[in-house]
Amino acid sequence: MATGMEGSPVRTEGACVRKRLALGMAAMLACAGALHAAAAADLAVSVTGLKDASGRVAVAVFSGGDGFPKDDAKAPHRAMVPIDPATRAARTVFKGLPPGDYAVAAFHDDNNSGRLETNFFGVPKKGYGFSNNARPAMRAPRFDEARFSLPEHGADIAIELAY
């Protein structure tokens, strides 16, 4: 800043421009944050068909085919969900997901191992299921078979486990 005749600060035109730019950028960032928050959706996942209420239900939400359905470490959203003993069902909500295409894999972790154990042939020993209740014969479903679109207003999906 420059000083006036009596030593008081005088704004230069460059300082005014910088201040306007800073205020404009702050307003744009605030608007972008509001738009981002408005574009977040909630996904409610209900899992039914559990044979008993032991353990928990592992739920993994995949945003692409990488890792689906076997490598839940590649799922950006995961949860271990308690089972309601009265209904032998589990429900969880994943909050703030960007709208888009997803697929969900779930299994009944009856022994709390955190793993979906399989037999010698690779067939799961625990109850398992997928979004769209995809159940191809003799293999795990592909992402496209279990894929669904999550709209901006959110969605509620149901998965029935198979044993």
N, C-alpha and C. Protein backbone atom coordinates (compact mmCIF):
# COMPACT_ATOMS: atom_id res chain seq x y z
N MET A 1 0.83 -1.18 0.00
CA MET A 1 0.00 0.00 0.00
C MET A 1 0.87 1.24 0.00
N ALA A 2 0.37 2.24 -0.65
CA ALA A 2 1.06 3.53 -0.66
C ALA A 2 0.56 4.37 0.50
N THR A 3 1.30 5.40 0.85
CA THR A 3 0.85 6.30 1.91
C THR A 3 0.52 7.66 1.31
N GLY A 4 -0.48 8.32 1.91
CA GLY A 4 -0.91 9.64 1.45
C GLY A 4 -0.03 10.72 2.03
N MET A 5 -0.46 11.94 1.83
CA MET A 5 0.32 13.08 2.27
C MET A 5 0.46 13.11 3.78
N GLU A 6 -0.51 12.63 4.49
CA GLU A 6 -0.42 12.69 5.95
C GLU A 6 0.02 11.35 6.55
N GLY A 7 0.55 10.46 5.72
CA GLY A 7 1.04 9.18 6.22
C GLY A 7 -0.04 8.11 6.31
N SER A 8 -1.26 8.44 5.91
CA SER A 8 -2.32 7.43 5.98
C SER A 8 -2.26 6.53 4.75
N PRO A 9 -2.64 5.23 4.93
CA PRO A 9 -2.55 4.31 3.80
C PRO A 9 -3.55 4.67 2.71
N VAL A 10 -3.12 4.52 1.48
CA VAL A 10 -3.97 4.77 0.32
C VAL A 10 -3.95 3.49 -0.51
N ARG A 11 -5.12 3.00 -0.88
CA ARG A 11 -5.18 1.77 -1.67
C ARG A 11 -4.81 2.07 -3.12
N THR A 12 -4.01 1.22 -3.63
CA THR A 12 -3.69 1.33 -5.05
C THR A 12 -4.69 0.50 -5.82
N GLU A 13 -4.80 0.73 -7.10
CA GLU A 13 -5.76 0.00 -7.92
C GLU A 13 -5.44 -1.49 -7.92
N GLY A 14 -4.16 -1.86 -7.90
CA GLY A 14 -3.76 -3.27 -7.88
C GLY A 14 -4.25 -3.98 -6.62
N ALA A 15 -4.21 -3.32 -5.48
CA ALA A 15 -4.67 -3.92 -4.23
C ALA A 15 -6.17 -4.17 -4.30
N CYS A 16 -6.93 -3.24 -4.88
CA CYS A 16 -8.38 -3.42 -5.02
C CYS A 16 -8.70 -4.61 -5.92
N VAL A 17 -7.97 -4.75 -6.99
CA VAL A 17 -8.18 -5.86 -7.92
C VAL A 17 -7.88 -7.18 -7.22
N ARG A 18 -6.78 -7.24 -6.46
CA ARG A 18 -6.43 -8.47 -5.75
C ARG A 18 -7.50 -8.83 -4.73
N LYS A 19 -8.03 -7.83 -4.03
CA LYS A 19 -9.07 -8.08 -3.04
C LYS A 19 -10.33 -8.62 -3.72
N ARG A 20 -10.71 -8.04 -4.84
CA ARG A 20 -11.90 -8.51 -5.57
C ARG A 20 -11.70 -9.94 -6.06
N LEU A 21 -10.50 -10.23 -6.56
CA LEU A 21 -10.21 -11.58 -7.01
C LEU A 21 -10.29 -12.58 -5.85
N ALA A 22 -9.73 -12.21 -4.72
CA ALA A 22 -9.76 -13.09 -3.56
C ALA A 22 -11.19 -13.35 -3.10
N LEU A 23 -12.00 -12.31 -3.06
CA LEU A 23 -13.41 -12.47 -2.67
C LEU A 23 -14.16 -13.33 -3.69
N GLY A 24 -13.88 -13.12 -4.96
CA GLY A 24 -14.52 -13.92 -6.01
C GLY A 24 -14.15 -15.38 -5.91
N MET A 25 -12.87 -15.66 -5.66
CA MET A 25 -12.42 -17.05 -5.50
C MET A 25 -13.07 -17.70 -4.28
N ALA A 26 -13.16 -16.97 -3.18
CA ALA A 26 -13.79 -17.51 -1.98
C ALA A 26 -15.26 -17.84 -2.26
N ALA A 27 -15.95 -16.97 -2.99
CA ALA A 27 -17.35 -17.23 -3.31
C ALA A 27 -17.48 -18.44 -4.21
N MET A 28 -16.58 -18.59 -5.18
CA MET A 28 -16.63 -19.75 -6.08
C MET A 28 -16.37 -21.04 -5.31
N LEU A 29 -15.41 -21.03 -4.41
CA LEU A 29 -15.12 -22.22 -3.61
C LEU A 29 -16.30 -22.59 -2.72
N ALA A 30 -16.96 -21.61 -2.15
CA ALA A 30 -18.14 -21.87 -1.31
C ALA A 30 -19.24 -22.48 -2.15
N CYS A 31 -19.45 -21.97 -3.35
CA CYS A 31 -20.48 -22.52 -4.24
C CYS A 31 -20.12 -23.94 -4.66
N ALA A 32 -18.86 -24.16 -4.98
CA ALA A 32 -18.43 -25.50 -5.38
C ALA A 32 -18.64 -26.49 -4.24
N GLY A 33 -18.35 -26.08 -3.01
CA GLY A 33 -18.59 -26.96 -1.86
C GLY A 33 -20.06 -27.26 -1.69
N ALA A 34 -20.91 -26.29 -1.90
CA ALA A 34 -22.35 -26.51 -1.79
C ALA A 34 -22.84 -27.44 -2.89
N LEU A 35 -22.32 -27.29 -4.10
CA LEU A 35 -22.71 -28.18 -5.18
C LEU A 35 -22.24 -29.59 -4.92
N HIS A 36 -21.02 -29.73 -4.40
CA HIS A 36 -20.50 -31.06 -4.09
C HIS A 36 -21.35 -31.74 -3.03
N ALA A 37 -21.73 -31.00 -2.01
CA ALA A 37 -22.57 -31.57 -0.95
C ALA A 37 -23.94 -31.95 -1.51
N ALA A 38 -24.47 -31.15 -2.43
CA ALA A 38 -25.77 -31.45 -3.01
C ALA A 38 -25.71 -32.68 -3.90
N ALA A 39 -24.54 -33.01 -4.44
CA ALA A 39 -24.41 -34.14 -5.35
C ALA A 39 -24.09 -35.44 -4.60
N ALA A 40 -24.11 -35.43 -3.29
CA ALA A 40 -23.84 -36.64 -2.51
C ALA A 40 -25.14 -37.39 -2.27
N ALA A 41 -25.09 -38.70 -2.40
CA ALA A 41 -26.29 -39.54 -2.25
C ALA A 41 -26.06 -40.59 -1.17
N ASP A 42 -27.14 -41.03 -0.55
CA ASP A 42 -27.07 -42.10 0.44
C ASP A 42 -27.52 -43.41 -0.20
N LEU A 43 -26.81 -44.48 0.12
CA LEU A 43 -27.17 -45.81 -0.36
C LEU A 43 -27.50 -46.68 0.85
N ALA A 44 -28.75 -47.11 0.95
CA ALA A 44 -29.18 -48.01 2.02
C ALA A 44 -29.15 -49.43 1.46
N VAL A 45 -28.51 -50.33 2.20
CA VAL A 45 -28.39 -51.73 1.78
C VAL A 45 -29.03 -52.60 2.85
N SER A 46 -30.05 -53.37 2.45
CA SER A 46 -30.70 -54.33 3.34
C SER A 46 -30.31 -55.73 2.89
N VAL A 47 -29.88 -56.56 3.83
CA VAL A 47 -29.47 -57.93 3.52
C VAL A 47 -30.38 -58.87 4.29
N THR A 48 -31.03 -59.76 3.56
CA THR A 48 -31.97 -60.71 4.16
C THR A 48 -31.58 -62.14 3.79
N GLY A 49 -32.30 -63.10 4.36
CA GLY A 49 -32.06 -64.50 4.05
C GLY A 49 -30.96 -65.13 4.86
N LEU A 50 -30.59 -64.51 5.99
CA LEU A 50 -29.54 -65.09 6.82
C LEU A 50 -30.08 -66.32 7.54
N LYS A 51 -29.27 -67.38 7.62
CA LYS A 51 -29.73 -68.62 8.26
C LYS A 51 -29.81 -68.51 9.77
N ASP A 52 -29.03 -67.58 10.36
CA ASP A 52 -29.08 -67.34 11.79
C ASP A 52 -28.52 -65.96 12.09
N ALA A 53 -28.48 -65.60 13.35
CA ALA A 53 -28.03 -64.25 13.74
C ALA A 53 -26.60 -64.22 14.25
N SER A 54 -25.84 -65.27 14.01
CA SER A 54 -24.45 -65.29 14.48
C SER A 54 -23.58 -64.38 13.61
N GLY A 55 -22.57 -63.80 14.22
CA GLY A 55 -21.62 -62.99 13.49
C GLY A 55 -22.18 -61.67 12.98
N ARG A 56 -21.69 -61.27 11.82
CA ARG A 56 -22.09 -59.99 11.20
C ARG A 56 -22.22 -60.21 9.69
N VAL A 57 -22.67 -59.17 9.01
CA VAL A 57 -22.74 -59.21 7.55
C VAL A 57 -21.70 -58.24 7.01
N ALA A 58 -20.85 -58.73 6.13
CA ALA A 58 -19.85 -57.90 5.47
C ALA A 58 -20.47 -57.35 4.18
N VAL A 59 -20.40 -56.03 4.01
CA VAL A 59 -20.97 -55.38 2.83
C VAL A 59 -19.88 -54.53 2.20
N ALA A 60 -19.69 -54.69 0.89
CA ALA A 60 -18.68 -53.92 0.16
C ALA A 60 -19.34 -53.26 -1.06
N VAL A 61 -19.11 -51.96 -1.22
CA VAL A 61 -19.66 -51.20 -2.33
C VAL A 61 -18.51 -50.90 -3.30
N PHE A 62 -18.65 -51.37 -4.52
CA PHE A 62 -17.64 -51.18 -5.56
C PHE A 62 -18.10 -50.12 -6.55
N SER A 63 -17.18 -49.26 -6.98
CA SER A 63 -17.53 -48.23 -7.95
C SER A 63 -17.04 -48.59 -9.35
N GLY A 64 -16.47 -49.76 -9.51
CA GLY A 64 -16.01 -50.24 -10.81
C GLY A 64 -15.71 -51.72 -10.71
N GLY A 65 -15.34 -52.31 -11.82
CA GLY A 65 -15.12 -53.75 -11.87
C GLY A 65 -13.84 -54.21 -11.21
N ASP A 66 -12.90 -53.31 -10.94
CA ASP A 66 -11.63 -53.71 -10.35
C ASP A 66 -11.85 -54.29 -8.95
N GLY A 67 -11.57 -55.59 -8.82
CA GLY A 67 -11.71 -56.27 -7.54
C GLY A 67 -13.07 -56.88 -7.27
N PHE A 68 -14.09 -56.50 -8.03
CA PHE A 68 -15.43 -57.02 -7.77
C PHE A 68 -15.53 -58.47 -8.21
N PRO A 69 -16.11 -59.34 -7.42
CA PRO A 69 -16.63 -59.15 -6.07
C PRO A 69 -15.72 -59.68 -4.98
N LYS A 70 -14.58 -60.24 -5.37
CA LYS A 70 -13.79 -61.00 -4.41
C LYS A 70 -12.80 -60.19 -3.58
N ASP A 71 -12.32 -59.07 -4.08
CA ASP A 71 -11.28 -58.31 -3.38
C ASP A 71 -11.89 -57.05 -2.78
N ASP A 72 -12.46 -57.19 -1.58
CA ASP A 72 -13.13 -56.03 -0.97
C ASP A 72 -12.15 -54.93 -0.55
N ALA A 73 -10.85 -55.22 -0.57
CA ALA A 73 -9.88 -54.16 -0.30
C ALA A 73 -9.92 -53.09 -1.39
N LYS A 74 -10.43 -53.46 -2.56
CA LYS A 74 -10.54 -52.50 -3.67
C LYS A 74 -11.90 -51.81 -3.68
N ALA A 75 -12.75 -52.14 -2.73
CA ALA A 75 -14.05 -51.47 -2.62
C ALA A 75 -13.85 -50.20 -1.82
N PRO A 76 -14.25 -49.05 -2.35
CA PRO A 76 -14.04 -47.81 -1.62
C PRO A 76 -14.89 -47.66 -0.36
N HIS A 77 -15.94 -48.47 -0.25
CA HIS A 77 -16.84 -48.37 0.91
C HIS A 77 -17.14 -49.77 1.42
N ARG A 78 -16.88 -49.98 2.73
CA ARG A 78 -17.11 -51.30 3.34
C ARG A 78 -17.70 -51.12 4.72
N ALA A 79 -18.44 -52.14 5.15
CA ALA A 79 -18.99 -52.11 6.51
C ALA A 79 -19.20 -53.53 7.01
N MET A 80 -19.01 -53.70 8.31
CA MET A 80 -19.39 -54.95 8.99
C MET A 80 -20.63 -54.60 9.79
N VAL A 81 -21.74 -55.23 9.46
CA VAL A 81 -23.05 -54.82 9.95
C VAL A 81 -23.61 -55.85 10.93
N PRO A 82 -24.10 -55.39 12.08
CA PRO A 82 -24.72 -56.33 13.02
C PRO A 82 -26.02 -56.89 12.45
N ILE A 83 -26.37 -58.07 12.90
CA ILE A 83 -27.58 -58.75 12.44
C ILE A 83 -28.67 -58.57 13.48
N ASP A 84 -29.85 -58.22 13.03
CA ASP A 84 -31.02 -58.13 13.91
C ASP A 84 -31.50 -59.55 14.17
N PRO A 85 -31.41 -60.04 15.42
CA PRO A 85 -31.78 -61.43 15.70
C PRO A 85 -33.27 -61.71 15.46
N ALA A 86 -34.13 -60.72 15.63
CA ALA A 86 -35.57 -60.92 15.44
C ALA A 86 -35.93 -61.16 13.98
N THR A 87 -35.25 -60.48 13.07
CA THR A 87 -35.58 -60.60 11.66
C THR A 87 -34.55 -61.37 10.86
N ARG A 88 -33.41 -61.66 11.49
CA ARG A 88 -32.27 -62.28 10.80
C ARG A 88 -31.97 -61.52 9.51
N ALA A 89 -31.85 -60.22 9.67
CA ALA A 89 -31.53 -59.32 8.56
C ALA A 89 -30.55 -58.27 9.05
N ALA A 90 -29.92 -57.59 8.12
CA ALA A 90 -28.97 -56.52 8.45
C ALA A 90 -29.21 -55.35 7.51
N ARG A 91 -28.98 -54.16 8.02
CA ARG A 91 -29.18 -52.96 7.20
C ARG A 91 -28.12 -51.93 7.56
N THR A 92 -27.59 -51.28 6.53
CA THR A 92 -26.62 -50.22 6.72
C THR A 92 -26.85 -49.14 5.67
N VAL A 93 -26.36 -47.95 5.97
CA VAL A 93 -26.47 -46.83 5.03
C VAL A 93 -25.08 -46.26 4.79
N PHE A 94 -24.71 -46.17 3.52
CA PHE A 94 -23.47 -45.53 3.12
C PHE A 94 -23.83 -44.11 2.73
N LYS A 95 -23.34 -43.15 3.48
CA LYS A 95 -23.72 -41.74 3.29
C LYS A 95 -22.72 -40.99 2.41
N GLY A 96 -23.26 -40.06 1.64
CA GLY A 96 -22.42 -39.14 0.89
C GLY A 96 -21.68 -39.71 -0.30
N LEU A 97 -22.25 -40.73 -0.96
CA LEU A 97 -21.60 -41.28 -2.15
C LEU A 97 -21.88 -40.39 -3.36
N PRO A 98 -20.94 -40.26 -4.26
CA PRO A 98 -21.24 -39.53 -5.49
C PRO A 98 -22.24 -40.34 -6.32
N PRO A 99 -23.22 -39.70 -6.93
CA PRO A 99 -24.12 -40.44 -7.81
C PRO A 99 -23.31 -41.13 -8.91
N GLY A 100 -23.76 -42.30 -9.32
CA GLY A 100 -23.04 -43.03 -10.37
C GLY A 100 -23.38 -44.51 -10.31
N ASP A 101 -22.59 -45.32 -10.99
CA ASP A 101 -22.80 -46.76 -11.06
C ASP A 101 -21.99 -47.48 -9.99
N TYR A 102 -22.65 -48.43 -9.34
CA TYR A 102 -22.04 -49.21 -8.27
C TYR A 102 -22.50 -50.66 -8.36
N ALA A 103 -21.81 -51.53 -7.64
CA ALA A 103 -22.24 -52.91 -7.41
C ALA A 103 -21.89 -53.25 -5.97
N VAL A 104 -22.72 -54.05 -5.33
CA VAL A 104 -22.53 -54.39 -3.92
C VAL A 104 -22.38 -55.91 -3.78
N ALA A 105 -21.43 -56.32 -2.96
CA ALA A 105 -21.24 -57.71 -2.59
C ALA A 105 -21.41 -57.81 -1.08
N ALA A 106 -22.06 -58.89 -0.62
CA ALA A 106 -22.28 -59.08 0.82
C ALA A 106 -22.13 -60.56 1.16
N PHE A 107 -21.69 -60.84 2.38
CA PHE A 107 -21.68 -62.22 2.86
C PHE A 107 -21.91 -62.27 4.36
N HIS A 108 -22.42 -63.41 4.82
CA HIS A 108 -22.70 -63.64 6.23
C HIS A 108 -21.41 -64.13 6.89
N ASP A 109 -20.78 -63.28 7.65
CA ASP A 109 -19.54 -63.64 8.35
C ASP A 109 -19.92 -64.25 9.70
N ASP A 110 -20.45 -65.46 9.66
CA ASP A 110 -21.00 -66.09 10.86
C ASP A 110 -19.98 -66.38 11.94
N ASN A 111 -18.71 -66.51 11.58
CA ASN A 111 -17.68 -66.79 12.58
C ASN A 111 -16.76 -65.59 12.83
N ASN A 112 -17.13 -64.42 12.33
CA ASN A 112 -16.36 -63.18 12.53
C ASN A 112 -14.91 -63.29 12.08
N SER A 113 -14.67 -64.04 11.03
CA SER A 113 -13.31 -64.18 10.51
C SER A 113 -12.92 -63.03 9.60
N GLY A 114 -13.91 -62.32 9.08
CA GLY A 114 -13.63 -61.24 8.15
C GLY A 114 -13.34 -61.73 6.74
N ARG A 115 -13.50 -63.03 6.51
CA ARG A 115 -13.21 -63.63 5.20
C ARG A 115 -14.38 -64.48 4.73
N LEU A 116 -14.52 -64.57 3.43
CA LEU A 116 -15.51 -65.47 2.84
C LEU A 116 -14.79 -66.77 2.51
N GLU A 117 -14.89 -67.72 3.43
CA GLU A 117 -14.21 -69.00 3.21
C GLU A 117 -14.92 -69.78 2.12
N THR A 118 -14.11 -70.52 1.34
CA THR A 118 -14.65 -71.34 0.26
C THR A 118 -14.18 -72.78 0.41
N ASN A 119 -14.86 -73.69 -0.27
CA ASN A 119 -14.44 -75.09 -0.24
C ASN A 119 -13.36 -75.32 -1.30
N PHE A 120 -13.00 -76.56 -1.50
CA PHE A 120 -11.94 -76.95 -2.43
C PHE A 120 -12.21 -76.44 -3.84
N PHE A 121 -13.48 -76.37 -4.24
CA PHE A 121 -13.86 -75.95 -5.59
C PHE A 121 -14.08 -74.44 -5.70
N GLY A 122 -13.89 -73.70 -4.60
CA GLY A 122 -14.08 -72.26 -4.63
C GLY A 122 -15.50 -71.80 -4.34
N VAL A 123 -16.37 -72.73 -3.95
CA VAL A 123 -17.75 -72.39 -3.62
C VAL A 123 -17.79 -71.86 -2.19
N PRO A 124 -18.42 -70.70 -1.98
CA PRO A 124 -18.47 -70.14 -0.61
C PRO A 124 -19.14 -71.07 0.39
N LYS A 125 -18.56 -71.11 1.60
CA LYS A 125 -19.13 -71.89 2.69
C LYS A 125 -20.13 -71.07 3.49
N LYS A 126 -20.22 -69.77 3.20
CA LYS A 126 -21.10 -68.86 3.93
C LYS A 126 -22.13 -68.30 2.97
N GLY A 127 -23.20 -67.73 3.54
CA GLY A 127 -24.19 -67.07 2.70
C GLY A 127 -23.59 -65.86 2.02
N TYR A 128 -23.94 -65.66 0.77
CA TYR A 128 -23.40 -64.55 0.00
C TYR A 128 -24.47 -64.02 -0.97
N GLY A 129 -24.30 -62.78 -1.40
CA GLY A 129 -25.23 -62.19 -2.35
C GLY A 129 -24.67 -60.92 -2.95
N PHE A 130 -25.38 -60.43 -3.97
CA PHE A 130 -24.92 -59.29 -4.73
C PHE A 130 -26.10 -58.37 -5.07
N SER A 131 -25.80 -57.13 -5.39
CA SER A 131 -26.84 -56.22 -5.84
C SER A 131 -27.50 -56.81 -7.09
N ASN A 132 -28.74 -56.44 -7.30
CA ASN A 132 -29.60 -57.01 -8.36
C ASN A 132 -29.86 -58.49 -8.14
N ASN A 133 -29.45 -59.01 -6.97
CA ASN A 133 -29.53 -60.44 -6.68
C ASN A 133 -28.98 -61.26 -7.84
N ALA A 134 -27.88 -60.79 -8.40
CA ALA A 134 -27.21 -61.47 -9.51
C ALA A 134 -26.69 -62.82 -9.04
N ARG A 135 -27.05 -63.88 -9.77
CA ARG A 135 -26.62 -65.24 -9.41
C ARG A 135 -26.33 -66.07 -10.66
N PRO A 136 -25.25 -65.75 -11.36
CA PRO A 136 -24.92 -66.58 -12.52
C PRO A 136 -24.52 -67.99 -12.08
N ALA A 137 -24.74 -68.95 -12.95
CA ALA A 137 -24.41 -70.34 -12.62
C ALA A 137 -22.90 -70.57 -12.71
N MET A 138 -22.37 -71.23 -11.73
CA MET A 138 -21.00 -71.73 -11.71
C MET A 138 -19.90 -70.66 -11.68
N ARG A 139 -20.24 -69.42 -11.34
CA ARG A 139 -19.20 -68.39 -11.24
C ARG A 139 -19.75 -67.21 -10.46
N ALA A 140 -18.84 -66.34 -10.06
CA ALA A 140 -19.25 -65.08 -9.41
C ALA A 140 -19.75 -64.13 -10.49
N PRO A 141 -20.65 -63.22 -10.14
CA PRO A 141 -21.13 -62.28 -11.15
C PRO A 141 -20.07 -61.27 -11.55
N ARG A 142 -20.20 -60.76 -12.75
CA ARG A 142 -19.36 -59.65 -13.20
C ARG A 142 -19.97 -58.35 -12.69
N PHE A 143 -19.17 -57.31 -12.65
CA PHE A 143 -19.64 -56.00 -12.19
C PHE A 143 -20.90 -55.58 -12.95
N ASP A 144 -20.90 -55.74 -14.27
CA ASP A 144 -22.04 -55.32 -15.08
C ASP A 144 -23.33 -56.04 -14.72
N GLU A 145 -23.23 -57.27 -14.22
CA GLU A 145 -24.43 -58.03 -13.85
C GLU A 145 -25.02 -57.55 -12.53
N ALA A 146 -24.20 -56.99 -11.68
CA ALA A 146 -24.66 -56.51 -10.37
C ALA A 146 -24.78 -54.99 -10.33
N ARG A 147 -24.43 -54.32 -11.40
CA ARG A 147 -24.38 -52.85 -11.44
C ARG A 147 -25.78 -52.25 -11.34
N PHE A 148 -25.84 -51.14 -10.62
CA PHE A 148 -27.05 -50.32 -10.54
C PHE A 148 -26.62 -48.87 -10.50
N SER A 149 -27.53 -47.98 -10.84
CA SER A 149 -27.24 -46.55 -10.82
C SER A 149 -27.75 -45.93 -9.53
N LEU A 150 -26.89 -45.19 -8.86
CA LEU A 150 -27.26 -44.45 -7.65
C LEU A 150 -27.58 -43.02 -8.06
N PRO A 151 -28.86 -42.62 -7.97
CA PRO A 151 -29.22 -41.26 -8.35
C PRO A 151 -28.88 -40.27 -7.24
N GLU A 152 -28.97 -38.98 -7.55
CA GLU A 152 -28.64 -37.94 -6.57
C GLU A 152 -29.49 -38.01 -5.32
N HIS A 153 -30.74 -38.48 -5.44
CA HIS A 153 -31.62 -38.54 -4.28
C HIS A 153 -31.41 -39.81 -3.45
N GLY A 154 -30.47 -40.68 -3.87
CA GLY A 154 -30.15 -41.87 -3.10
C GLY A 154 -30.96 -43.08 -3.54
N ALA A 155 -30.69 -44.21 -2.91
CA ALA A 155 -31.38 -45.46 -3.27
C ALA A 155 -31.37 -46.40 -2.09
N ASP A 156 -32.28 -47.35 -2.14
CA ASP A 156 -32.42 -48.41 -1.14
C ASP A 156 -32.42 -49.72 -1.92
N ILE A 157 -31.42 -50.58 -1.68
CA ILE A 157 -31.39 -51.86 -2.39
C ILE A 157 -31.48 -53.01 -1.39
N ALA A 158 -31.95 -54.14 -1.89
CA ALA A 158 -32.08 -55.33 -1.06
C ALA A 158 -31.28 -56.47 -1.68
N ILE A 159 -30.59 -57.21 -0.83
CA ILE A 159 -29.81 -58.36 -1.26
C ILE A 159 -30.28 -59.57 -0.47
N GLU A 160 -30.66 -60.63 -1.18
CA GLU A 160 -31.07 -61.89 -0.56
C GLU A 160 -29.88 -62.83 -0.63
N LEU A 161 -29.41 -63.31 0.54
CA LEU A 161 -28.26 -64.21 0.55
C LEU A 161 -28.63 -65.61 0.09
N ALA A 162 -27.66 -66.27 -0.54
CA ALA A 162 -27.80 -67.66 -0.94
C ALA A 162 -26.75 -68.46 -0.15
N TYR A 163 -27.11 -69.67 0.23
CA TYR A 163 -26.17 -70.55 0.95
C TYR A 163 -25.86 -71.76 0.13
